[in-house]
Amino acid sequence: LEPDVVVRRQEALAAARLRMQEELNAQAEKYKEKQRQLEEERRRQKIAMWESMQEGKSYKGNLKLNQQEVESGASASAVPKSKPSKKPLRGGGYNPLSGEGGGTCSWRPGRRGPSAGG
């Protein structure tokens, strides 16, 4: 092998590693910033909950309203999907313990006493 080819290959490898490490550092910084923002939002919610509790209001109701406002703002562009009405899988008279209204197999207890033998 020629030494200059080996040196160029190693330099290219080192440059690629450095580039990938910089990308990883940038992604980590973005993730930390996002986590910081989420933590700040949680802290604000706790403060609002505490203040409403001090005023004697229902803080859980406020929290649910705040979450609904956030969700409605985020999903305003999304089209709401209507759920199809689900019919039950079995009729209302099905009871697996009674043995009625079911399928073909039914459970029967075994004979009492020890097995036949002598």
C-alpha atoms as a PDB file:
ATOM      1  CA  LEU A   1       0.000   0.000   0.000  1.00  0.00           C
ATOM      2  CA  GLU A   2       1.142   3.510  -0.750  1.00  0.00           C
ATOM      3  CA  PRO A   3       1.702   5.683   2.338  1.00  0.00           C
ATOM      4  CA  ASP A   4       0.072   8.812   0.907  1.00  0.00           C
ATOM      5  CA  VAL A   5      -3.161   6.874   0.168  1.00  0.00           C
ATOM      6  CA  VAL A   6      -3.224   5.548   3.730  1.00  0.00           C
ATOM      7  CA  VAL A   7      -2.632   9.047   5.152  1.00  0.00           C
ATOM      8  CA  ARG A   8      -5.430  10.555   3.011  1.00  0.00           C
ATOM      9  CA  ARG A   9      -7.822   7.792   4.047  1.00  0.00           C
ATOM     10  CA  GLN A  10      -7.054   8.362   7.736  1.00  0.00           C
ATOM     11  CA  GLU A  11      -7.509  12.118   7.376  1.00  0.00           C
ATOM     12  CA  ALA A  12     -10.863  11.623   5.650  1.00  0.00           C
ATOM     13  CA  LEU A  13     -11.930   9.226   8.394  1.00  0.00           C
ATOM     14  CA  ALA A  14     -10.927  11.712  11.099  1.00  0.00           C
ATOM     15  CA  ALA A  15     -12.799  14.521   9.319  1.00  0.00           C
ATOM     16  CA  ALA A  16     -15.944  12.372   9.043  1.00  0.00           C
ATOM     17  CA  ARG A  17     -15.756  11.488  12.732  1.00  0.00           C
ATOM     18  CA  LEU A  18     -15.370  15.146  13.669  1.00  0.00           C
ATOM     19  CA  ARG A  19     -18.346  16.110  11.504  1.00  0.00           C
ATOM     20  CA  MET A  20     -20.544  13.406  13.053  1.00  0.00           C
ATOM     21  CA  GLN A  21     -19.485  14.442  16.557  1.00  0.00           C
ATOM     22  CA  GLU A  22     -20.454  18.064  15.833  1.00  0.00           C
ATOM     23  CA  GLU A  23     -23.863  16.944  14.586  1.00  0.00           C
ATOM     24  CA  LEU A  24     -24.353  14.857  17.716  1.00  0.00           C
ATOM     25  CA  ASN A  25     -23.405  17.810  19.927  1.00  0.00           C
ATOM     26  CA  ALA A  26     -25.897  20.036  18.110  1.00  0.00           C
ATOM     27  CA  GLN A  27     -28.669  17.466  18.568  1.00  0.00           C
ATOM     28  CA  ALA A  28     -27.841  17.133  22.260  1.00  0.00           C
ATOM     29  CA  GLU A  29     -28.013  20.912  22.685  1.00  0.00           C
ATOM     30  CA  LYS A  30     -31.430  21.028  20.989  1.00  0.00           C
ATOM     31  CA  TYR A  31     -32.671  18.226  23.230  1.00  0.00           C
ATOM     32  CA  LYS A  32     -31.440  19.991  26.377  1.00  0.00           C
ATOM     33  CA  GLU A  33     -33.172  23.207  25.343  1.00  0.00           C
ATOM     34  CA  LYS A  34     -36.417  21.354  24.685  1.00  0.00           C
ATOM     35  CA  GLN A  35     -36.220  19.641  28.090  1.00  0.00           C
ATOM     36  CA  ARG A  36     -35.549  23.015  29.726  1.00  0.00           C
ATOM     37  CA  GLN A  37     -38.665  24.468  28.092  1.00  0.00           C
ATOM     38  CA  LEU A  38     -40.799  21.499  29.183  1.00  0.00           C
ATOM     39  CA  GLU A  39     -39.529  21.832  32.745  1.00  0.00           C
ATOM     40  CA  GLU A  40     -40.338  25.546  32.720  1.00  0.00           C
ATOM     41  CA  GLU A  41     -43.863  24.814  31.495  1.00  0.00           C
ATOM     42  CA  ARG A  42     -44.368  22.212  34.241  1.00  0.00           C
ATOM     43  CA  ARG A  43     -43.126  24.718  36.812  1.00  0.00           C
ATOM     44  CA  ARG A  44     -45.589  27.349  35.548  1.00  0.00           C
ATOM     45  CA  GLN A  45     -48.448  24.852  35.763  1.00  0.00           C
ATOM     46  CA  LYS A  46     -47.517  23.946  39.336  1.00  0.00           C
ATOM     47  CA  ILE A  47     -47.406  27.617  40.286  1.00  0.00           C
ATOM     48  CA  ALA A  48     -50.806  28.237  38.690  1.00  0.00           C
ATOM     49  CA  MET A  49     -52.204  25.173  40.435  1.00  0.00           C
ATOM     50  CA  TRP A  50     -50.840  26.339  43.791  1.00  0.00           C
ATOM     51  CA  GLU A  51     -52.255  29.857  43.344  1.00  0.00           C
ATOM     52  CA  SER A  52     -55.694  28.557  42.428  1.00  0.00           C
ATOM     53  CA  MET A  53     -55.580  26.219  45.407  1.00  0.00           C
ATOM     54  CA  GLN A  54     -54.736  29.176  47.678  1.00  0.00           C
ATOM     55  CA  GLU A  55     -57.733  31.044  46.293  1.00  0.00           C
ATOM     56  CA  GLY A  56     -59.939  28.060  47.097  1.00  0.00           C
ATOM     57  CA  LYS A  57     -60.672  27.121  43.512  1.00  0.00           C
ATOM     58  CA  SER A  58     -60.637  23.633  42.075  1.00  0.00           C
ATOM     59  CA  TYR A  59     -57.123  23.324  40.740  1.00  0.00           C
ATOM     60  CA  LYS A  60     -57.722  20.020  38.945  1.00  0.00           C
ATOM     61  CA  GLY A  61     -60.495  21.540  36.877  1.00  0.00           C
ATOM     62  CA  ASN A  62     -58.208  24.410  35.915  1.00  0.00           C
ATOM     63  CA  LEU A  63     -55.467  22.016  34.933  1.00  0.00           C
ATOM     64  CA  LYS A  64     -57.824  20.063  32.674  1.00  0.00           C
ATOM     65  CA  LEU A  65     -59.073  23.275  31.057  1.00  0.00           C
ATOM     66  CA  ASN A  66     -55.503  24.436  30.425  1.00  0.00           C
ATOM     67  CA  GLN A  67     -54.590  21.114  28.837  1.00  0.00           C
ATOM     68  CA  GLN A  68     -57.675  21.219  26.620  1.00  0.00           C
ATOM     69  CA  GLU A  69     -56.800  24.733  25.481  1.00  0.00           C
ATOM     70  CA  VAL A  70     -53.273  23.625  24.621  1.00  0.00           C
ATOM     71  CA  GLU A  71     -54.533  20.540  22.770  1.00  0.00           C
ATOM     72  CA  SER A  72     -57.214  22.471  20.877  1.00  0.00           C
ATOM     73  CA  GLY A  73     -54.645  25.066  19.829  1.00  0.00           C
ATOM     74  CA  ALA A  74     -52.234  22.389  18.670  1.00  0.00           C
ATOM     75  CA  SER A  75     -54.808  20.302  16.812  1.00  0.00           C
ATOM     76  CA  ALA A  76     -56.803  23.149  15.256  1.00  0.00           C
ATOM     77  CA  SER A  77     -55.541  22.249  11.796  1.00  0.00           C
ATOM     78  CA  ALA A  78     -56.255  18.542  12.267  1.00  0.00           C
ATOM     79  CA  VAL A  79     -59.648  17.222  11.181  1.00  0.00           C
ATOM     80  CA  PRO A  80     -61.501  15.573  14.093  1.00  0.00           C
ATOM     81  CA  LYS A  81     -62.239  11.942  13.394  1.00  0.00           C
ATOM     82  CA  SER A  82     -65.634  10.521  14.275  1.00  0.00           C
ATOM     83  CA  LYS A  83     -65.475   7.135  15.927  1.00  0.00           C
ATOM     84  CA  PRO A  84     -67.708   4.497  14.368  1.00  0.00           C
ATOM     85  CA  SER A  85     -70.301   3.028  16.694  1.00  0.00           C
ATOM     86  CA  LYS A  86     -69.047  -0.288  17.988  1.00  0.00           C
ATOM     87  CA  LYS A  87     -71.392  -3.223  18.343  1.00  0.00           C
ATOM     88  CA  PRO A  88     -70.699  -5.809  21.047  1.00  0.00           C
ATOM     89  CA  LEU A  89     -68.855  -8.939  20.008  1.00  0.00           C
ATOM     90  CA  ARG A  90     -71.278 -11.283  21.762  1.00  0.00           C
ATOM     91  CA  GLY A  91     -74.921 -11.083  22.639  1.00  0.00           C
ATOM     92  CA  GLY A  92     -76.002  -9.781  26.021  1.00  0.00           C
ATOM     93  CA  GLY A  93     -76.930 -13.265  27.240  1.00  0.00           C
ATOM     94  CA  TYR A  94     -73.427 -14.683  27.008  1.00  0.00           C
ATOM     95  CA  ASN A  95     -71.995 -15.887  30.316  1.00  0.00           C
ATOM     96  CA  PRO A  96     -68.999 -18.214  30.156  1.00  0.00           C
ATOM     97  CA  LEU A  97     -69.610 -19.524  33.673  1.00  0.00           C
ATOM     98  CA  SER A  98     -73.160 -20.702  33.102  1.00  0.00           C
ATOM     99  CA  GLY A  99     -72.440 -22.711  29.958  1.00  0.00           C
ATOM    100  CA  GLU A 100     -75.430 -21.206  28.165  1.00  0.00           C
ATOM    101  CA  GLY A 101     -75.467 -18.924  25.173  1.00  0.00           C
ATOM    102  CA  GLY A 102     -71.935 -19.792  24.221  1.00  0.00           C
ATOM    103  CA  GLY A 103     -70.282 -21.895  21.585  1.00  0.00           C
ATOM    104  CA  THR A 104     -70.064 -25.620  21.155  1.00  0.00           C
ATOM    105  CA  CYS A 105     -67.728 -26.527  23.995  1.00  0.00           C
ATOM    106  CA  SER A 106     -68.823 -26.618  27.609  1.00  0.00           C
ATOM    107  CA  TRP A 107     -66.866 -27.480  30.715  1.00  0.00           C
ATOM    108  CA  ARG A 108     -67.953 -30.278  33.004  1.00  0.00           C
ATOM    109  CA  PRO A 109     -66.358 -31.177  36.298  1.00  0.00           C
ATOM    110  CA  GLY A 110     -64.621 -34.519  36.564  1.00  0.00           C
ATOM    111  CA  ARG A 111     -65.961 -37.467  38.549  1.00  0.00           C
ATOM    112  CA  ARG A 112     -65.569 -37.267  42.287  1.00  0.00           C
ATOM    113  CA  GLY A 113     -63.267 -39.513  44.158  1.00  0.00           C
ATOM    114  CA  PRO A 114     -60.023 -41.176  43.266  1.00  0.00           C
ATOM    115  CA  SER A 115     -59.439 -42.459  39.803  1.00  0.00           C
ATOM    116  CA  ALA A 116     -60.568 -45.990  39.038  1.00  0.00           C
ATOM    117  CA  GLY A 117     -57.991 -48.554  39.927  1.00  0.00           C
ATOM    118  CA  GLY A 118     -57.312 -51.151  42.448  1.00  0.00           C
END
